[in-house]
Amino acid sequence: MEAKTLYIEPGSPWKNGYVESFNGKIRDELLDREIFYTLQEVQVLTEEYRQTYNRIKPHSSLSYRPPAPQAILAADTVPALVGLT
């Protein structure tokens, strides 16, 4: 039996919901809002979006938590912040 690649039509979320959902979000939240002039600009803004998407942005499927939340501040930095409030 030979394995073959199965292609889905673009914009078919019922066939691959996760990828189509992400593609729609990146299109709406990044690609349609920016005009890119250089490859470096695309790389920097895409990396910034990726970090925000994975570490800050809440996801409804995860009870409105980010997939990879930022690390908790190190214990030695907490006393310096106490006097700021």
Protein backbone atom coordinates (compact mmCIF):
# COMPACT_ATOMS: atom_id res chain seq x y z
CA MET A 1 0.00 0.00 0.00
CA GLU A 2 1.38 3.40 -0.98
CA ALA A 3 1.03 6.47 1.26
CA LYS A 4 0.02 9.68 -0.46
CA THR A 5 -0.28 13.27 0.70
CA LEU A 6 -3.84 14.45 1.11
CA TYR A 7 -4.30 18.14 0.34
CA ILE A 8 -7.20 20.16 1.70
CA GLU A 9 -8.68 23.22 0.09
CA PRO A 10 -7.64 26.55 1.63
CA GLY A 11 -10.36 27.97 3.84
CA SER A 12 -11.72 24.54 4.78
CA PRO A 13 -11.67 24.65 8.60
CA TRP A 14 -13.81 21.53 8.94
CA LYS A 15 -10.98 19.49 7.42
CA ASN A 16 -8.17 20.81 9.63
CA GLY A 17 -9.60 23.18 12.20
CA TYR A 18 -6.45 23.95 14.19
CA VAL A 19 -4.32 25.02 11.23
CA GLU A 20 -7.13 26.95 9.56
CA SER A 21 -7.95 28.70 12.84
CA PHE A 22 -4.33 29.77 13.31
CA ASN A 23 -4.04 30.84 9.67
CA GLY A 24 -7.15 33.00 10.04
CA LYS A 25 -5.85 34.60 13.23
CA ILE A 26 -2.39 35.40 11.85
CA ARG A 27 -3.99 36.78 8.69
CA ASP A 28 -6.42 39.00 10.65
CA GLU A 29 -4.06 40.06 13.43
CA LEU A 30 -0.78 40.49 11.53
CA LEU A 31 -0.69 40.07 7.78
CA ASP A 32 -3.72 42.19 6.90
CA ARG A 33 -2.63 44.99 9.27
CA GLU A 34 0.94 45.50 8.09
CA ILE A 35 2.75 46.56 4.94
CA PHE A 36 6.12 44.85 4.84
CA TYR A 37 9.03 46.55 3.12
CA THR A 38 11.87 44.13 3.91
CA LEU A 39 12.31 40.46 4.70
CA GLN A 40 13.88 41.39 8.03
CA GLU A 41 10.76 43.37 8.96
CA VAL A 42 8.60 40.31 8.21
CA GLN A 43 10.87 38.11 10.32
CA VAL A 44 10.90 40.47 13.31
CA LEU A 45 7.15 41.10 13.32
CA THR A 46 6.33 37.42 12.79
CA GLU A 47 8.56 36.41 15.71
CA GLU A 48 6.96 39.10 17.88
CA TYR A 49 3.50 37.81 16.93
CA ARG A 50 4.55 34.21 17.65
CA GLN A 51 5.82 35.13 21.11
CA THR A 52 2.61 37.03 21.89
CA TYR A 53 0.40 34.22 20.55
CA ASN A 54 2.20 31.53 22.57
CA ARG A 55 3.04 33.35 25.79
CA ILE A 56 0.53 36.18 26.35
CA LYS A 57 -2.64 35.80 24.29
CA PRO A 58 -5.38 33.80 26.05
CA HIS A 59 -6.86 30.85 24.17
CA SER A 60 -10.50 29.90 24.70
CA SER A 61 -9.72 26.18 24.32
CA LEU A 62 -7.30 26.48 27.29
CA SER A 63 -9.75 28.20 29.66
CA TYR A 64 -8.46 31.59 28.47
CA ARG A 65 -4.85 30.88 29.42
CA PRO A 66 -1.84 31.19 27.09
CA PRO A 67 -0.31 27.90 25.85
CA ALA A 68 3.16 28.68 27.26
CA PRO A 69 2.88 31.39 29.96
CA GLN A 70 5.87 33.52 30.90
CA ALA A 71 8.05 32.23 33.71
CA ILE A 72 7.37 33.55 37.20
CA LEU A 73 9.73 36.31 38.29
CA ALA A 74 12.83 35.08 40.08
CA ALA A 75 12.60 35.38 43.86
CA ASP A 76 15.43 37.92 44.03
CA THR A 77 13.55 40.43 41.81
CA VAL A 78 10.34 40.45 43.87
CA PRO A 79 11.62 42.65 46.78
CA ALA A 80 12.62 45.39 44.33
CA LEU A 81 9.05 45.51 43.01
CA VAL A 82 7.35 45.69 46.42
CA GLY A 83 8.04 49.42 46.95
CA LEU A 84 6.62 50.34 43.52
CA THR A 85 2.95 49.81 44.40
